[in-house]
């Protein structure tokens, strides 16, 4: 791609070299219209989107004004190049002996060379694709408060190095990365980015472990309270025995340190259901967690399961 761009720049330089040579050769200003015609032809072939597509468009004032501006710009470029050539010829005091057709041929050669290197139709299609993608991203971002969109973008940038950690990175190192990240980004935004990566399949093994570690971190219990992050995280990793075992052990520790985490924990019946299809060590950890969760439920004030939203989430599962 870079080589093609360099060749394209070189071929385009031939376009401007023509009037420069004409001025250097001492040819009269009567050649300027010929070069203007070549420059305009170059824009028609290489930038067709800037020109009217139908005969009716040529008579519209909305088209004619920018078209006139484009033509005047080409005239200016030719005159400047021609003038530079005349100035160089005067400085050197000699006129190179070449025919008048040579500068015209050099400029005209730029058109087929550039067309071989650049497909304007593909470029236009790519521009439309990028415009659509940018519009989609903007529409998605507009669903969030402006500051929240920026905050989640920051969290995504900070999590990029973590996602690239080797699969063999110890959990302690992943946790240290998370601790450093949450000093600069909101834990809720970090959870949002980790969950999104797991949902769309772009999370690395380190990223999935980071999701489990973050969702079961007792230091973030209050900040993530009511967001059901642990339940959503469990639903995304329940098929992986190693991650499920890590989740179960970490959740048990979290509940002992921060009993308020019971409100967002996975429902006991869901834990037992997954335990029934898990290896023995995973099943034991899940069963222990299922038995621990009800003991964390506060007895006062009494929770009305029919009206309390947190209780509804707890008993509904993932």
C-alpha atoms as a PDB file:
ATOM      1  CA  UNK A   1       0.000   0.000   0.000  1.00  0.00           C
ATOM      2  CA  UNK A   2       2.786   2.421   0.914  1.00  0.00           C
ATOM      3  CA  UNK A   3       4.686   1.601  -2.295  1.00  0.00           C
ATOM      4  CA  UNK A   4       1.581   2.290  -4.354  1.00  0.00           C
ATOM      5  CA  UNK A   5       1.112   5.641  -2.669  1.00  0.00           C
ATOM      6  CA  UNK A   6       4.719   6.582  -3.408  1.00  0.00           C
ATOM      7  CA  UNK A   7       4.289   5.616  -7.062  1.00  0.00           C
ATOM      8  CA  UNK A   8       1.060   7.601  -7.173  1.00  0.00           C
ATOM      9  CA  UNK A   9       2.860  10.662  -5.849  1.00  0.00           C
ATOM     10  CA  UNK A  10       5.588  10.224  -8.433  1.00  0.00           C
ATOM     11  CA  UNK A  11       3.096   9.892 -11.276  1.00  0.00           C
ATOM     12  CA  UNK A  12       1.229  12.971 -10.063  1.00  0.00           C
ATOM     13  CA  UNK A  13       4.490  14.907 -10.019  1.00  0.00           C
ATOM     14  CA  UNK A  14       4.725  14.376 -13.787  1.00  0.00           C
ATOM     15  CA  UNK A  15       1.522  16.395 -14.144  1.00  0.00           C
ATOM     16  CA  UNK A  16       3.188  19.457 -12.662  1.00  0.00           C
ATOM     17  CA  UNK A  17       6.544  18.778 -14.298  1.00  0.00           C
ATOM     18  CA  UNK A  18       5.062  19.402 -17.755  1.00  0.00           C
ATOM     19  CA  UNK A  19       4.264  23.143 -17.363  1.00  0.00           C
ATOM     20  CA  UNK A  20       7.498  23.566 -15.409  1.00  0.00           C
ATOM     21  CA  UNK A  21       9.471  22.203 -18.373  1.00  0.00           C
ATOM     22  CA  UNK A  22       7.464  24.343 -20.773  1.00  0.00           C
ATOM     23  CA  UNK A  23       8.377  27.458 -18.828  1.00  0.00           C
ATOM     24  CA  UNK A  24      11.982  26.338 -18.557  1.00  0.00           C
ATOM     25  CA  UNK A  25      12.113  25.791 -22.318  1.00  0.00           C
ATOM     26  CA  UNK A  26      10.968  29.357 -22.943  1.00  0.00           C
ATOM     27  CA  UNK A  27       7.726  28.429 -24.658  1.00  0.00           C
ATOM     28  CA  UNK A  28       5.026  31.090 -24.824  1.00  0.00           C
ATOM     29  CA  UNK A  29       2.044  31.492 -22.551  1.00  0.00           C
ATOM     30  CA  UNK A  30      -0.108  30.166 -25.372  1.00  0.00           C
ATOM     31  CA  UNK A  31       0.666  26.640 -24.077  1.00  0.00           C
ATOM     32  CA  UNK A  32      -1.098  27.377 -20.792  1.00  0.00           C
ATOM     33  CA  UNK A  33      -4.612  26.459 -22.092  1.00  0.00           C
ATOM     34  CA  UNK A  34      -3.293  23.068 -23.266  1.00  0.00           C
ATOM     35  CA  UNK A  35      -1.909  22.298 -19.819  1.00  0.00           C
ATOM     36  CA  UNK A  36      -5.120  23.501 -18.193  1.00  0.00           C
ATOM     37  CA  UNK A  37      -7.022  21.029 -20.364  1.00  0.00           C
ATOM     38  CA  UNK A  38      -4.687  18.198 -19.267  1.00  0.00           C
ATOM     39  CA  UNK A  39      -5.056  19.160 -15.604  1.00  0.00           C
ATOM     40  CA  UNK A  40      -8.854  19.211 -15.903  1.00  0.00           C
ATOM     41  CA  UNK A  41      -8.833  15.845 -17.686  1.00  0.00           C
ATOM     42  CA  UNK A  42      -6.732  14.470 -14.832  1.00  0.00           C
ATOM     43  CA  UNK A  43      -9.346  15.576 -12.294  1.00  0.00           C
ATOM     44  CA  UNK A  44     -12.183  14.148 -14.393  1.00  0.00           C
ATOM     45  CA  UNK A  45     -10.533  10.716 -14.569  1.00  0.00           C
ATOM     46  CA  UNK A  46      -9.018  10.555 -11.079  1.00  0.00           C
ATOM     47  CA  UNK A  47     -11.699  12.456  -9.164  1.00  0.00           C
ATOM     48  CA  UNK A  48     -14.971  11.725 -10.993  1.00  0.00           C
ATOM     49  CA  UNK A  49     -17.058  12.367  -7.876  1.00  0.00           C
ATOM     50  CA  UNK A  50     -16.250  16.091  -8.059  1.00  0.00           C
ATOM     51  CA  UNK A  51     -17.815  16.439 -11.526  1.00  0.00           C
ATOM     52  CA  UNK A  52     -21.480  16.328 -12.613  1.00  0.00           C
ATOM     53  CA  UNK A  53     -22.752  12.868 -13.538  1.00  0.00           C
ATOM     54  CA  UNK A  54     -25.680  13.882 -15.779  1.00  0.00           C
ATOM     55  CA  UNK A  55     -26.291  16.586 -18.383  1.00  0.00           C
ATOM     56  CA  UNK A  56     -28.933  18.194 -16.161  1.00  0.00           C
ATOM     57  CA  UNK A  57     -26.396  18.635 -13.377  1.00  0.00           C
ATOM     58  CA  UNK A  58     -24.174  20.815 -15.562  1.00  0.00           C
ATOM     59  CA  UNK A  59     -26.698  23.651 -15.592  1.00  0.00           C
ATOM     60  CA  UNK A  60     -27.361  23.693 -11.860  1.00  0.00           C
ATOM     61  CA  UNK A  61     -25.876  26.671 -10.065  1.00  0.00           C
ATOM     62  CA  UNK A  62     -25.028  24.468  -7.082  1.00  0.00           C
ATOM     63  CA  UNK A  63     -22.726  22.483  -9.378  1.00  0.00           C
ATOM     64  CA  UNK A  64     -21.443  25.235 -11.615  1.00  0.00           C
ATOM     65  CA  UNK A  65     -20.011  27.369  -8.799  1.00  0.00           C
ATOM     66  CA  UNK A  66     -17.694  24.678  -7.364  1.00  0.00           C
ATOM     67  CA  UNK A  67     -16.885  23.526 -10.917  1.00  0.00           C
ATOM     68  CA  UNK A  68     -15.792  27.046 -11.817  1.00  0.00           C
ATOM     69  CA  UNK A  69     -13.687  27.171  -8.659  1.00  0.00           C
ATOM     70  CA  UNK A  70     -12.075  23.841  -9.578  1.00  0.00           C
ATOM     71  CA  UNK A  71     -11.239  25.127 -13.070  1.00  0.00           C
ATOM     72  CA  UNK A  72      -9.740  28.355 -11.728  1.00  0.00           C
ATOM     73  CA  UNK A  73      -7.622  26.317  -9.319  1.00  0.00           C
ATOM     74  CA  UNK A  74      -6.191  24.286 -12.212  1.00  0.00           C
ATOM     75  CA  UNK A  75      -5.433  27.486 -14.148  1.00  0.00           C
ATOM     76  CA  UNK A  76      -3.618  28.855 -11.112  1.00  0.00           C
ATOM     77  CA  UNK A  77      -1.556  25.681 -10.697  1.00  0.00           C
ATOM     78  CA  UNK A  78      -0.522  25.703 -14.359  1.00  0.00           C
ATOM     79  CA  UNK A  79       0.408  29.398 -14.268  1.00  0.00           C
ATOM     80  CA  UNK A  80       2.461  28.951 -11.081  1.00  0.00           C
ATOM     81  CA  UNK A  81       4.351  25.950 -12.492  1.00  0.00           C
ATOM     82  CA  UNK A  82       4.874  27.723 -15.811  1.00  0.00           C
ATOM     83  CA  UNK A  83       6.083  30.854 -14.022  1.00  0.00           C
ATOM     84  CA  UNK A  84       8.544  28.864 -11.888  1.00  0.00           C
ATOM     85  CA  UNK A  85       9.936  27.290 -15.056  1.00  0.00           C
ATOM     86  CA  UNK A  86      10.350  30.680 -16.738  1.00  0.00           C
ATOM     87  CA  UNK A  87      12.103  31.981 -13.623  1.00  0.00           C
ATOM     88  CA  UNK A  88      14.522  29.042 -13.531  1.00  0.00           C
ATOM     89  CA  UNK A  89      15.244  29.509 -17.239  1.00  0.00           C
ATOM     90  CA  UNK A  90      16.072  33.165 -16.620  1.00  0.00           C
ATOM     91  CA  UNK A  91      18.350  32.310 -13.697  1.00  0.00           C
ATOM     92  CA  UNK A  92      20.332  29.737 -15.665  1.00  0.00           C
ATOM     93  CA  UNK A  93      20.367  31.926 -18.788  1.00  0.00           C
ATOM     94  CA  UNK A  94      19.918  28.941 -21.082  1.00  0.00           C
ATOM     95  CA  UNK A  95      16.918  27.334 -22.780  1.00  0.00           C
ATOM     96  CA  UNK A  96      17.045  23.530 -23.054  1.00  0.00           C
ATOM     97  CA  UNK A  97      16.609  22.397 -26.661  1.00  0.00           C
ATOM     98  CA  UNK A  98      13.521  20.137 -26.573  1.00  0.00           C
ATOM     99  CA  UNK A  99      10.351  20.191 -28.652  1.00  0.00           C
ATOM    100  CA  UNK A 100       7.137  21.768 -27.429  1.00  0.00           C
ATOM    101  CA  UNK A 101       5.353  18.406 -27.397  1.00  0.00           C
ATOM    102  CA  UNK A 102       7.696  16.998 -24.737  1.00  0.00           C
ATOM    103  CA  UNK A 103       6.276  19.003 -21.781  1.00  0.00           C
ATOM    104  CA  UNK A 104       2.738  18.248 -22.943  1.00  0.00           C
ATOM    105  CA  UNK A 105       3.558  14.531 -23.233  1.00  0.00           C
ATOM    106  CA  UNK A 106       5.080  14.493 -19.744  1.00  0.00           C
ATOM    107  CA  UNK A 107       1.949  15.996 -18.198  1.00  0.00           C
ATOM    108  CA  UNK A 108      -0.383  13.796 -20.215  1.00  0.00           C
ATOM    109  CA  UNK A 109       1.590  10.678 -19.198  1.00  0.00           C
ATOM    110  CA  UNK A 110       0.545  11.301 -15.596  1.00  0.00           C
ATOM    111  CA  UNK A 111      -3.089  10.498 -16.436  1.00  0.00           C
ATOM    112  CA  UNK A 112      -2.734   6.835 -17.520  1.00  0.00           C
ATOM    113  CA  UNK A 113      -0.052   6.159 -14.908  1.00  0.00           C
ATOM    114  CA  UNK A 114      -2.198   7.508 -12.077  1.00  0.00           C
ATOM    115  CA  UNK A 115      -5.229   5.621 -13.368  1.00  0.00           C
ATOM    116  CA  UNK A 116      -3.272   2.353 -13.312  1.00  0.00           C
ATOM    117  CA  UNK A 117      -2.233   2.969  -9.718  1.00  0.00           C
ATOM    118  CA  UNK A 118      -5.502   4.387  -8.393  1.00  0.00           C
ATOM    119  CA  UNK A 119      -9.056   3.153  -8.870  1.00  0.00           C
ATOM    120  CA  UNK A 120     -11.360   6.097  -8.081  1.00  0.00           C
ATOM    121  CA  UNK A 121     -14.429   3.848  -7.964  1.00  0.00           C
ATOM    122  CA  UNK A 122     -12.916   1.669  -5.230  1.00  0.00           C
ATOM    123  CA  UNK A 123     -11.731   4.758  -3.387  1.00  0.00           C
ATOM    124  CA  UNK A 124     -15.237   6.243  -3.530  1.00  0.00           C
ATOM    125  CA  UNK A 125     -16.767   2.979  -2.307  1.00  0.00           C
ATOM    126  CA  UNK A 126     -14.304   2.898   0.586  1.00  0.00           C
ATOM    127  CA  UNK A 127     -15.152   6.513   1.438  1.00  0.00           C
ATOM    128  CA  UNK A 128     -18.849   5.614   1.551  1.00  0.00           C
ATOM    129  CA  UNK A 129     -18.089   2.608   3.751  1.00  0.00           C
ATOM    130  CA  UNK A 130     -16.044   4.731   6.161  1.00  0.00           C
ATOM    131  CA  UNK A 131     -18.724   7.410   6.236  1.00  0.00           C
ATOM    132  CA  UNK A 132     -21.344   4.778   7.085  1.00  0.00           C
ATOM    133  CA  UNK A 133     -19.133   3.220   9.750  1.00  0.00           C
ATOM    134  CA  UNK A 134     -18.389   6.596  11.325  1.00  0.00           C
ATOM    135  CA  UNK A 135     -22.084   7.474  11.285  1.00  0.00           C
ATOM    136  CA  UNK A 136     -22.893   4.173  12.984  1.00  0.00           C
ATOM    137  CA  UNK A 137     -20.271   4.722  15.643  1.00  0.00           C
ATOM    138  CA  UNK A 138     -21.514   8.254  16.215  1.00  0.00           C
ATOM    139  CA  UNK A 139     -25.098   7.014  16.518  1.00  0.00           C
ATOM    140  CA  UNK A 140     -24.059   4.382  19.036  1.00  0.00           C
ATOM    141  CA  UNK A 141     -22.065   6.892  21.009  1.00  0.00           C
ATOM    142  CA  UNK A 142     -24.981   9.298  21.026  1.00  0.00           C
ATOM    143  CA  UNK A 143     -26.982   6.784  23.090  1.00  0.00           C
ATOM    144  CA  UNK A 144     -24.607   7.476  25.971  1.00  0.00           C
ATOM    145  CA  UNK A 145     -24.110  10.692  27.886  1.00  0.00           C
ATOM    146  CA  UNK A 146     -21.225  12.591  26.244  1.00  0.00           C
ATOM    147  CA  UNK A 147     -18.940  12.214  29.256  1.00  0.00           C
ATOM    148  CA  UNK A 148     -19.736   8.482  29.570  1.00  0.00           C
ATOM    149  CA  UNK A 149     -18.800   7.808  25.944  1.00  0.00           C
ATOM    150  CA  UNK A 150     -15.428   9.468  26.478  1.00  0.00           C
ATOM    151  CA  UNK A 151     -14.917   7.639  29.769  1.00  0.00           C
ATOM    152  CA  UNK A 152     -15.562   4.247  28.187  1.00  0.00           C
ATOM    153  CA  UNK A 153     -13.237   5.078  25.315  1.00  0.00           C
ATOM    154  CA  UNK A 154     -10.544   5.843  27.898  1.00  0.00           C
ATOM    155  CA  UNK A 155     -11.214   2.534  29.663  1.00  0.00           C
ATOM    156  CA  UNK A 156     -10.945   0.685  26.338  1.00  0.00           C
ATOM    157  CA  UNK A 157      -7.576   2.295  25.598  1.00  0.00           C
ATOM    158  CA  UNK A 158      -6.252   1.453  29.060  1.00  0.00           C
ATOM    159  CA  UNK A 159      -7.432  -2.169  28.742  1.00  0.00           C
ATOM    160  CA  UNK A 160      -5.743  -2.722  25.360  1.00  0.00           C
ATOM    161  CA  UNK A 161      -2.346  -3.708  26.871  1.00  0.00           C
ATOM    162  CA  UNK A 162      -4.092  -6.016  29.340  1.00  0.00           C
ATOM    163  CA  UNK A 163      -5.898  -7.815  26.516  1.00  0.00           C
ATOM    164  CA  UNK A 164      -2.485  -8.443  24.914  1.00  0.00           C
ATOM    165  CA  UNK A 165      -1.005 -10.152  27.996  1.00  0.00           C
ATOM    166  CA  UNK A 166       0.202 -13.749  27.424  1.00  0.00           C
ATOM    167  CA  UNK A 167      -2.165 -16.572  28.355  1.00  0.00           C
ATOM    168  CA  UNK A 168       0.308 -17.703  31.023  1.00  0.00           C
ATOM    169  CA  UNK A 169       0.180 -14.393  32.915  1.00  0.00           C
ATOM    170  CA  UNK A 170      -0.557 -15.153  36.592  1.00  0.00           C
ATOM    171  CA  UNK A 171      -3.850 -13.947  38.045  1.00  0.00           C
ATOM    172  CA  UNK A 172      -1.916 -11.722  40.454  1.00  0.00           C
ATOM    173  CA  UNK A 173      -0.329  -9.829  37.560  1.00  0.00           C
ATOM    174  CA  UNK A 174      -3.677  -9.429  35.791  1.00  0.00           C
ATOM    175  CA  UNK A 175      -5.158  -8.119  39.032  1.00  0.00           C
ATOM    176  CA  UNK A 176      -2.312  -5.601  39.359  1.00  0.00           C
ATOM    177  CA  UNK A 177      -3.007  -4.374  35.834  1.00  0.00           C
ATOM    178  CA  UNK A 178      -6.681  -3.936  36.739  1.00  0.00           C
ATOM    179  CA  UNK A 179      -5.776  -2.085  39.907  1.00  0.00           C
ATOM    180  CA  UNK A 180      -3.631   0.347  37.922  1.00  0.00           C
ATOM    181  CA  UNK A 181      -6.373   0.829  35.324  1.00  0.00           C
ATOM    182  CA  UNK A 182      -9.093   1.560  37.878  1.00  0.00           C
ATOM    183  CA  UNK A 183      -6.956   4.369  39.283  1.00  0.00           C
ATOM    184  CA  UNK A 184      -7.574   6.224  36.024  1.00  0.00           C
ATOM    185  CA  UNK A 185     -10.907   4.800  34.810  1.00  0.00           C
ATOM    186  CA  UNK A 186     -14.242   4.243  36.521  1.00  0.00           C
ATOM    187  CA  UNK A 187     -14.754   0.577  37.570  1.00  0.00           C
ATOM    188  CA  UNK A 188     -18.183   0.619  35.915  1.00  0.00           C
ATOM    189  CA  UNK A 189     -16.658   1.675  32.579  1.00  0.00           C
ATOM    190  CA  UNK A 190     -13.959  -0.982  32.913  1.00  0.00           C
ATOM    191  CA  UNK A 191     -16.645  -3.610  33.542  1.00  0.00           C
ATOM    192  CA  UNK A 192     -18.635  -2.379  30.525  1.00  0.00           C
ATOM    193  CA  UNK A 193     -15.630  -2.705  28.196  1.00  0.00           C
ATOM    194  CA  UNK A 194     -14.646  -6.141  29.533  1.00  0.00           C
ATOM    195  CA  UNK A 195     -18.218  -7.434  29.210  1.00  0.00           C
ATOM    196  CA  UNK A 196     -18.545  -6.060  25.669  1.00  0.00           C
ATOM    197  CA  UNK A 197     -15.306  -7.755  24.594  1.00  0.00           C
ATOM    198  CA  UNK A 198     -16.449 -11.080  26.069  1.00  0.00           C
ATOM    199  CA  UNK A 199     -19.862 -10.803  24.409  1.00  0.00           C
ATOM    200  CA  UNK A 200     -18.531 -10.056  20.921  1.00  0.00           C
ATOM    201  CA  UNK A 201     -15.772 -12.671  21.114  1.00  0.00           C
ATOM    202  CA  UNK A 202     -12.815 -10.286  20.997  1.00  0.00           C
ATOM    203  CA  UNK A 203     -11.661 -10.845  24.575  1.00  0.00           C
ATOM    204  CA  UNK A 204      -8.327 -12.590  25.016  1.00  0.00           C
ATOM    205  CA  UNK A 205      -7.845 -15.292  27.694  1.00  0.00           C
ATOM    206  CA  UNK A 206      -6.252 -12.631  29.896  1.00  0.00           C
ATOM    207  CA  UNK A 207      -9.208 -10.360  29.183  1.00  0.00           C
ATOM    208  CA  UNK A 208     -11.689 -13.040  30.273  1.00  0.00           C
ATOM    209  CA  UNK A 209      -9.770 -13.623  33.480  1.00  0.00           C
ATOM    210  CA  UNK A 210      -9.706  -9.874  34.009  1.00  0.00           C
ATOM    211  CA  UNK A 211     -13.498  -9.859  33.688  1.00  0.00           C
ATOM    212  CA  UNK A 212     -13.818 -12.505  36.405  1.00  0.00           C
ATOM    213  CA  UNK A 213     -11.313 -10.782  38.683  1.00  0.00           C
ATOM    214  CA  UNK A 214     -12.950  -7.389  38.221  1.00  0.00           C
ATOM    215  CA  UNK A 215     -16.520  -8.654  38.675  1.00  0.00           C
ATOM    216  CA  UNK A 216     -15.602 -10.413  41.945  1.00  0.00           C
ATOM    217  CA  UNK A 217     -13.333  -7.706  43.392  1.00  0.00           C
ATOM    218  CA  UNK A 218     -14.680  -6.748  46.848  1.00  0.00           C
ATOM    219  CA  UNK A 219     -13.173  -3.268  46.484  1.00  0.00           C
ATOM    220  CA  UNK A 220     -15.660  -2.497  43.696  1.00  0.00           C
ATOM    221  CA  UNK A 221     -18.760  -3.995  45.303  1.00  0.00           C
ATOM    222  CA  UNK A 222     -20.295  -0.649  46.176  1.00  0.00           C
ATOM    223  CA  UNK A 223     -19.420   0.974  42.839  1.00  0.00           C
ATOM    224  CA  UNK A 224     -20.785  -1.934  40.780  1.00  0.00           C
ATOM    225  CA  UNK A 225     -23.773  -2.538  43.033  1.00  0.00           C
ATOM    226  CA  UNK A 226     -27.000  -2.915  41.074  1.00  0.00           C
ATOM    227  CA  UNK A 227     -25.250  -3.453  37.740  1.00  0.00           C
ATOM    228  CA  UNK A 228     -25.495  -7.299  37.817  1.00  0.00           C
ATOM    229  CA  UNK A 229     -21.899  -7.434  36.519  1.00  0.00           C
ATOM    230  CA  UNK A 230     -21.082 -10.698  38.381  1.00  0.00           C
ATOM    231  CA  UNK A 231     -24.174 -12.457  37.000  1.00  0.00           C
ATOM    232  CA  UNK A 232     -23.487 -11.260  33.455  1.00  0.00           C
ATOM    233  CA  UNK A 233     -19.836 -12.241  33.723  1.00  0.00           C
ATOM    234  CA  UNK A 234     -20.761 -15.716  34.959  1.00  0.00           C
ATOM    235  CA  UNK A 235     -23.107 -16.212  32.020  1.00  0.00           C
ATOM    236  CA  UNK A 236     -20.213 -15.492  29.638  1.00  0.00           C
ATOM    237  CA  UNK A 237     -17.606 -17.784  31.238  1.00  0.00           C
ATOM    238  CA  UNK A 238     -19.740 -20.656  32.597  1.00  0.00           C
ATOM    239  CA  UNK A 239     -18.637 -22.952  29.755  1.00  0.00           C
ATOM    240  CA  UNK A 240     -14.977 -22.674  30.788  1.00  0.00           C
ATOM    241  CA  UNK A 241     -14.206 -24.866  33.842  1.00  0.00           C
ATOM    242  CA  UNK A 242     -11.050 -22.967  34.804  1.00  0.00           C
ATOM    243  CA  UNK A 243     -12.763 -19.577  34.679  1.00  0.00           C
ATOM    244  CA  UNK A 244     -15.828 -20.967  36.454  1.00  0.00           C
ATOM    245  CA  UNK A 245     -13.654 -22.317  39.255  1.00  0.00           C
ATOM    246  CA  UNK A 246     -11.895 -18.963  39.548  1.00  0.00           C
ATOM    247  CA  UNK A 247     -15.256 -17.181  39.627  1.00  0.00           C
ATOM    248  CA  UNK A 248     -16.672 -19.467  42.322  1.00  0.00           C
ATOM    249  CA  UNK A 249     -13.679 -19.125  44.631  1.00  0.00           C
ATOM    250  CA  UNK A 250     -13.391 -15.388  44.109  1.00  0.00           C
ATOM    251  CA  UNK A 251     -17.128 -14.851  44.629  1.00  0.00           C
ATOM    252  CA  UNK A 252     -17.014 -16.769  47.903  1.00  0.00           C
ATOM    253  CA  UNK A 253     -14.152 -14.577  49.119  1.00  0.00           C
ATOM    254  CA  UNK A 254     -15.981 -11.462  47.933  1.00  0.00           C
ATOM    255  CA  UNK A 255     -19.135 -12.378  49.846  1.00  0.00           C
ATOM    256  CA  UNK A 256     -17.164 -12.936  53.047  1.00  0.00           C
ATOM    257  CA  UNK A 257     -15.398  -9.572  52.737  1.00  0.00           C
ATOM    258  CA  UNK A 258     -18.302  -7.589  51.271  1.00  0.00           C
ATOM    259  CA  UNK A 259     -21.664  -9.225  52.161  1.00  0.00           C
ATOM    260  CA  UNK A 260     -23.523  -6.576  50.146  1.00  0.00           C
ATOM    261  CA  UNK A 261     -22.355  -8.388  46.996  1.00  0.00           C
ATOM    262  CA  UNK A 262     -25.173 -10.908  47.478  1.00  0.00           C
ATOM    263  CA  UNK A 263     -27.563  -8.551  45.676  1.00  0.00           C
ATOM    264  CA  UNK A 264     -25.720  -8.984  42.355  1.00  0.00           C
ATOM    265  CA  UNK A 265     -24.506 -12.540  42.827  1.00  0.00           C
ATOM    266  CA  UNK A 266     -25.626 -15.473  40.714  1.00  0.00           C
ATOM    267  CA  UNK A 267     -28.804 -17.190  41.892  1.00  0.00           C
ATOM    268  CA  UNK A 268     -28.120 -20.415  43.876  1.00  0.00           C
ATOM    269  CA  UNK A 269     -30.295 -22.506  41.553  1.00  0.00           C
ATOM    270  CA  UNK A 270     -28.225 -21.315  38.576  1.00  0.00           C
ATOM    271  CA  UNK A 271     -24.993 -22.221  40.371  1.00  0.00           C
ATOM    272  CA  UNK A 272     -26.294 -25.694  41.182  1.00  0.00           C
ATOM    273  CA  UNK A 273     -27.468 -26.214  37.605  1.00  0.00           C
ATOM    274  CA  UNK A 274     -23.995 -25.395  36.231  1.00  0.00           C
ATOM    275  CA  UNK A 275     -22.381 -27.497  38.975  1.00  0.00           C
ATOM    276  CA  UNK A 276     -24.317 -30.561  37.840  1.00  0.00           C
ATOM    277  CA  UNK A 277     -22.506 -30.499  34.475  1.00  0.00           C
ATOM    278  CA  UNK A 278     -19.071 -29.455  35.772  1.00  0.00           C
ATOM    279  CA  UNK A 279     -15.936 -31.377  36.808  1.00  0.00           C
ATOM    280  CA  UNK A 280     -15.818 -32.396  40.494  1.00  0.00           C
ATOM    281  CA  UNK A 281     -13.615 -29.557  41.767  1.00  0.00           C
ATOM    282  CA  UNK A 282     -15.665 -26.948  39.921  1.00  0.00           C
ATOM    283  CA  UNK A 283     -18.938 -28.510  41.074  1.00  0.00           C
ATOM    284  CA  UNK A 284     -17.770 -28.464  44.695  1.00  0.00           C
ATOM    285  CA  UNK A 285     -16.805 -24.774  44.495  1.00  0.00           C
ATOM    286  CA  UNK A 286     -20.105 -23.832  42.851  1.00  0.00           C
ATOM    287  CA  UNK A 287     -22.127 -25.836  45.373  1.00  0.00           C
ATOM    288  CA  UNK A 288     -20.284 -24.194  48.254  1.00  0.00           C
ATOM    289  CA  UNK A 289     -20.975 -20.769  46.725  1.00  0.00           C
ATOM    290  CA  UNK A 290     -24.656 -21.647  46.235  1.00  0.00           C
ATOM    291  CA  UNK A 291     -24.884 -22.573  49.912  1.00  0.00           C
ATOM    292  CA  UNK A 292     -23.061 -19.420  51.000  1.00  0.00           C
ATOM    293  CA  UNK A 293     -25.164 -16.913  49.063  1.00  0.00           C
ATOM    294  CA  UNK A 294     -28.430 -17.253  51.064  1.00  0.00           C
ATOM    295  CA  UNK A 295     -26.515 -16.849  54.336  1.00  0.00           C
ATOM    296  CA  UNK A 296     -25.411 -13.406  53.178  1.00  0.00           C
ATOM    297  CA  UNK A 297     -28.996 -12.205  52.723  1.00  0.00           C
ATOM    298  CA  UNK A 298     -29.801  -9.630  55.414  1.00  0.00           C
ATOM    299  CA  UNK A 299     -32.636 -10.619  57.682  1.00  0.00           C
ATOM    300  CA  UNK A 300     -33.483  -6.972  58.400  1.00  0.00           C
ATOM    301  CA  UNK A 301     -35.086  -5.195  56.805  1.00  0.00           C
ATOM    302  CA  UNK A 302     -37.203  -7.992  55.344  1.00  0.00           C
ATOM    303  CA  UNK A 303     -36.870  -8.249  51.582  1.00  0.00           C
ATOM    304  CA  UNK A 304     -40.150  -8.535  49.704  1.00  0.00           C
ATOM    305  CA  UNK A 305     -39.350 -10.710  46.685  1.00  0.00           C
ATOM    306  CA  UNK A 306     -42.486  -9.548  44.928  1.00  0.00           C
ATOM    307  CA  UNK A 307     -41.515  -5.880  44.994  1.00  0.00           C
ATOM    308  CA  UNK A 308     -37.761  -5.539  45.513  1.00  0.00           C
ATOM    309  CA  UNK A 309     -35.895  -5.218  42.186  1.00  0.00           C
ATOM    310  CA  UNK A 310     -32.624  -6.449  43.631  1.00  0.00           C
ATOM    311  CA  UNK A 311     -34.318  -9.579  44.935  1.00  0.00           C
ATOM    312  CA  UNK A 312     -35.934 -10.115  41.561  1.00  0.00           C
ATOM    313  CA  UNK A 313     -32.545  -9.992  39.864  1.00  0.00           C
ATOM    314  CA  UNK A 314     -31.030 -12.311  42.463  1.00  0.00           C
ATOM    315  CA  UNK A 315     -33.642 -15.009  42.066  1.00  0.00           C
ATOM    316  CA  UNK A 316     -33.976 -14.656  38.285  1.00  0.00           C
ATOM    317  CA  UNK A 317     -30.447 -15.841  37.601  1.00  0.00           C
ATOM    318  CA  UNK A 318     -28.283 -14.506  34.800  1.00  0.00           C
END
